[in-house]
C-alpha atoms as a PDB file:
ATOM      1  CA  MET A   1       0.000   0.000   0.000  1.00  0.00           C
ATOM      2  CA  SER A   2       1.329   3.400  -0.909  1.00  0.00           C
ATOM      3  CA  PRO A   3       0.743   6.551   1.156  1.00  0.00           C
ATOM      4  CA  GLN A   4      -1.713   7.768  -1.498  1.00  0.00           C
ATOM      5  CA  GLU A   5      -3.928   4.719  -0.850  1.00  0.00           C
ATOM      6  CA  LYS A   6      -4.055   5.087   2.941  1.00  0.00           C
ATOM      7  CA  GLY A   7      -7.197   7.237   2.989  1.00  0.00           C
ATOM      8  CA  LYS A   8      -9.044   4.933   0.619  1.00  0.00           C
ATOM      9  CA  VAL A   9      -8.198   1.870   2.722  1.00  0.00           C
ATOM     10  CA  GLU A  10      -9.193   3.588   5.971  1.00  0.00           C
ATOM     11  CA  SER A  11     -12.473   4.880   4.526  1.00  0.00           C
ATOM     12  CA  GLY A  12     -13.938   1.379   4.946  1.00  0.00           C
ATOM     13  CA  ILE A  13     -13.569   1.729   8.717  1.00  0.00           C
ATOM     14  CA  LYS A  14     -15.309   5.108   8.594  1.00  0.00           C
ATOM     15  CA  TYR A  15     -18.126   3.587   6.513  1.00  0.00           C
ATOM     16  CA  VAL A  16     -18.801   0.839   9.063  1.00  0.00           C
ATOM     17  CA  LYS A  17     -18.493   3.251  11.978  1.00  0.00           C
ATOM     18  CA  ASN A  18     -20.902   5.811  10.491  1.00  0.00           C
ATOM     19  CA  ASN A  19     -23.387   3.388   8.912  1.00  0.00           C
ATOM     20  CA  PHE A  20     -23.502   0.348  11.180  1.00  0.00           C
ATOM     21  CA  PHE A  21     -22.453   1.460  14.654  1.00  0.00           C
ATOM     22  CA  ALA A  22     -24.033   4.930  14.607  1.00  0.00           C
ATOM     23  CA  GLY A  23     -26.881   5.108  17.122  1.00  0.00           C
ATOM     24  CA  ARG A  24     -26.766   1.415  18.088  1.00  0.00           C
ATOM     25  CA  ASP A  25     -26.037  -0.263  21.405  1.00  0.00           C
ATOM     26  CA  PHE A  26     -25.291  -3.945  21.849  1.00  0.00           C
ATOM     27  CA  THR A  27     -25.700  -5.697  25.165  1.00  0.00           C
ATOM     28  CA  THR A  28     -23.929  -8.894  24.129  1.00  0.00           C
ATOM     29  CA  PHE A  29     -21.243  -9.899  21.675  1.00  0.00           C
ATOM     30  CA  ASP A  30     -23.650 -12.426  20.103  1.00  0.00           C
ATOM     31  CA  LYS A  31     -26.178  -9.653  19.387  1.00  0.00           C
ATOM     32  CA  LEU A  32     -23.438  -7.501  17.852  1.00  0.00           C
ATOM     33  CA  GLN A  33     -22.211 -10.384  15.703  1.00  0.00           C
ATOM     34  CA  SER A  34     -25.665 -11.345  14.414  1.00  0.00           C
ATOM     35  CA  SER A  35     -26.602  -7.709  13.697  1.00  0.00           C
ATOM     36  CA  LEU A  36     -23.334  -7.101  11.866  1.00  0.00           C
ATOM     37  CA  SER A  37     -23.719 -10.266   9.768  1.00  0.00           C
ATOM     38  CA  GLU A  38     -27.239  -9.218   8.786  1.00  0.00           C
ATOM     39  CA  TRP A  39     -26.120  -5.659   7.967  1.00  0.00           C
ATOM     40  CA  LEU A  40     -23.230  -6.936   5.837  1.00  0.00           C
ATOM     41  CA  GLU A  41     -25.472  -9.268   3.842  1.00  0.00           C
ATOM     42  CA  TYR A  42     -28.502  -7.047   3.318  1.00  0.00           C
ATOM     43  CA  ASN A  43     -27.031  -3.535   3.340  1.00  0.00           C
ATOM     44  CA  CYS A  44     -23.291  -3.235   2.915  1.00  0.00           C
ATOM     45  CA  ASN A  45     -22.451  -5.950   0.382  1.00  0.00           C
ATOM     46  CA  SER A  46     -25.609  -5.549  -1.690  1.00  0.00           C
ATOM     47  CA  ARG A  47     -25.477  -1.773  -2.258  1.00  0.00           C
ATOM     48  CA  LEU A  48     -24.037   0.003  -5.268  1.00  0.00           C
ATOM     49  CA  HIS A  49     -20.531   1.066  -4.200  1.00  0.00           C
ATOM     50  CA  GLY A  50     -19.928   4.792  -4.574  1.00  0.00           C
ATOM     51  CA  THR A  51     -16.402   4.527  -6.006  1.00  0.00           C
ATOM     52  CA  THR A  52     -16.494   1.360  -8.112  1.00  0.00           C
ATOM     53  CA  ARG A  53     -20.165   1.702  -9.127  1.00  0.00           C
ATOM     54  CA  LYS A  54     -20.467  -2.079  -8.596  1.00  0.00           C
ATOM     55  CA  VAL A  55     -22.230  -4.227  -6.002  1.00  0.00           C
ATOM     56  CA  PRO A  56     -19.494  -5.614  -3.699  1.00  0.00           C
ATOM     57  CA  PHE A  57     -20.962  -9.129  -3.449  1.00  0.00           C
ATOM     58  CA  GLU A  58     -21.350  -9.387  -7.227  1.00  0.00           C
ATOM     59  CA  LEU A  59     -17.797  -8.135  -7.762  1.00  0.00           C
ATOM     60  CA  PHE A  60     -16.501 -10.753  -5.318  1.00  0.00           C
ATOM     61  CA  ARG A  61     -18.519 -13.546  -6.946  1.00  0.00           C
ATOM     62  CA  GLN A  62     -17.549 -12.628 -10.522  1.00  0.00           C
ATOM     63  CA  GLU A  63     -13.910 -11.578 -10.166  1.00  0.00           C
ATOM     64  CA  GLU A  64     -12.376 -12.490  -6.825  1.00  0.00           C
ATOM     65  CA  LYS A  65     -13.885 -15.782  -5.626  1.00  0.00           C
ATOM     66  CA  GLY A  66     -12.261 -17.813  -8.415  1.00  0.00           C
ATOM     67  CA  GLU A  67      -8.820 -16.503  -7.429  1.00  0.00           C
ATOM     68  CA  LEU A  68      -9.027 -17.885  -3.885  1.00  0.00           C
ATOM     69  CA  GLY A  69      -7.141 -21.055  -3.058  1.00  0.00           C
ATOM     70  CA  ALA A  70      -8.545 -23.966  -1.095  1.00  0.00           C
ATOM     71  CA  LEU A  71      -8.389 -23.853   2.671  1.00  0.00           C
ATOM     72  CA  PRO A  72      -5.895 -26.199   4.321  1.00  0.00           C
ATOM     73  CA  LEU A  73      -7.301 -29.518   5.527  1.00  0.00           C
ATOM     74  CA  ASN A  74      -5.685 -29.210   8.965  1.00  0.00           C
ATOM     75  CA  ASN A  75      -6.135 -26.434  11.495  1.00  0.00           C
ATOM     76  CA  PHE A  76      -3.169 -24.168  12.111  1.00  0.00           C
ATOM     77  CA  SER A  77      -1.081 -25.435  15.026  1.00  0.00           C
ATOM     78  CA  TYR A  78       0.223 -22.759  17.347  1.00  0.00           C
ATOM     79  CA  PRO A  79       3.780 -23.122  18.581  1.00  0.00           C
ATOM     80  CA  GLU A  80       4.369 -23.477  22.295  1.00  0.00           C
ATOM     81  CA  ILE A  81       5.760 -20.257  23.689  1.00  0.00           C
ATOM     82  CA  LEU A  82       7.945 -20.499  26.791  1.00  0.00           C
ATOM     83  CA  SER A  83       9.738 -17.975  28.974  1.00  0.00           C
ATOM     84  CA  ARG A  84      13.242 -18.533  30.245  1.00  0.00           C
ATOM     85  CA  THR A  85      14.837 -17.194  33.390  1.00  0.00           C
ATOM     86  CA  PHE A  86      18.497 -17.253  34.274  1.00  0.00           C
ATOM     87  CA  ALA A  87      19.822 -18.325  37.650  1.00  0.00           C
ATOM     88  CA  ILE A  88      22.672 -16.249  38.989  1.00  0.00           C
END
């Protein structure tokens, strides 16, 4: 990402903040998650994007989905992290 693209990348955060979170309160994480999933499906990803003039979900389906690789069969294994102390 170049410095000229920074504002464009960060504008997605502003969009979610001003269009999803504005005026809403969530009492539980589950309620937040379900509301956000619904908003993404029915509002955000199905609208006509102001810059690209395309519907984000359609753009993903037509151009981007085919470029994705398959997910790995095994879950990622986290390494064991240890701390060491020195005796004096």
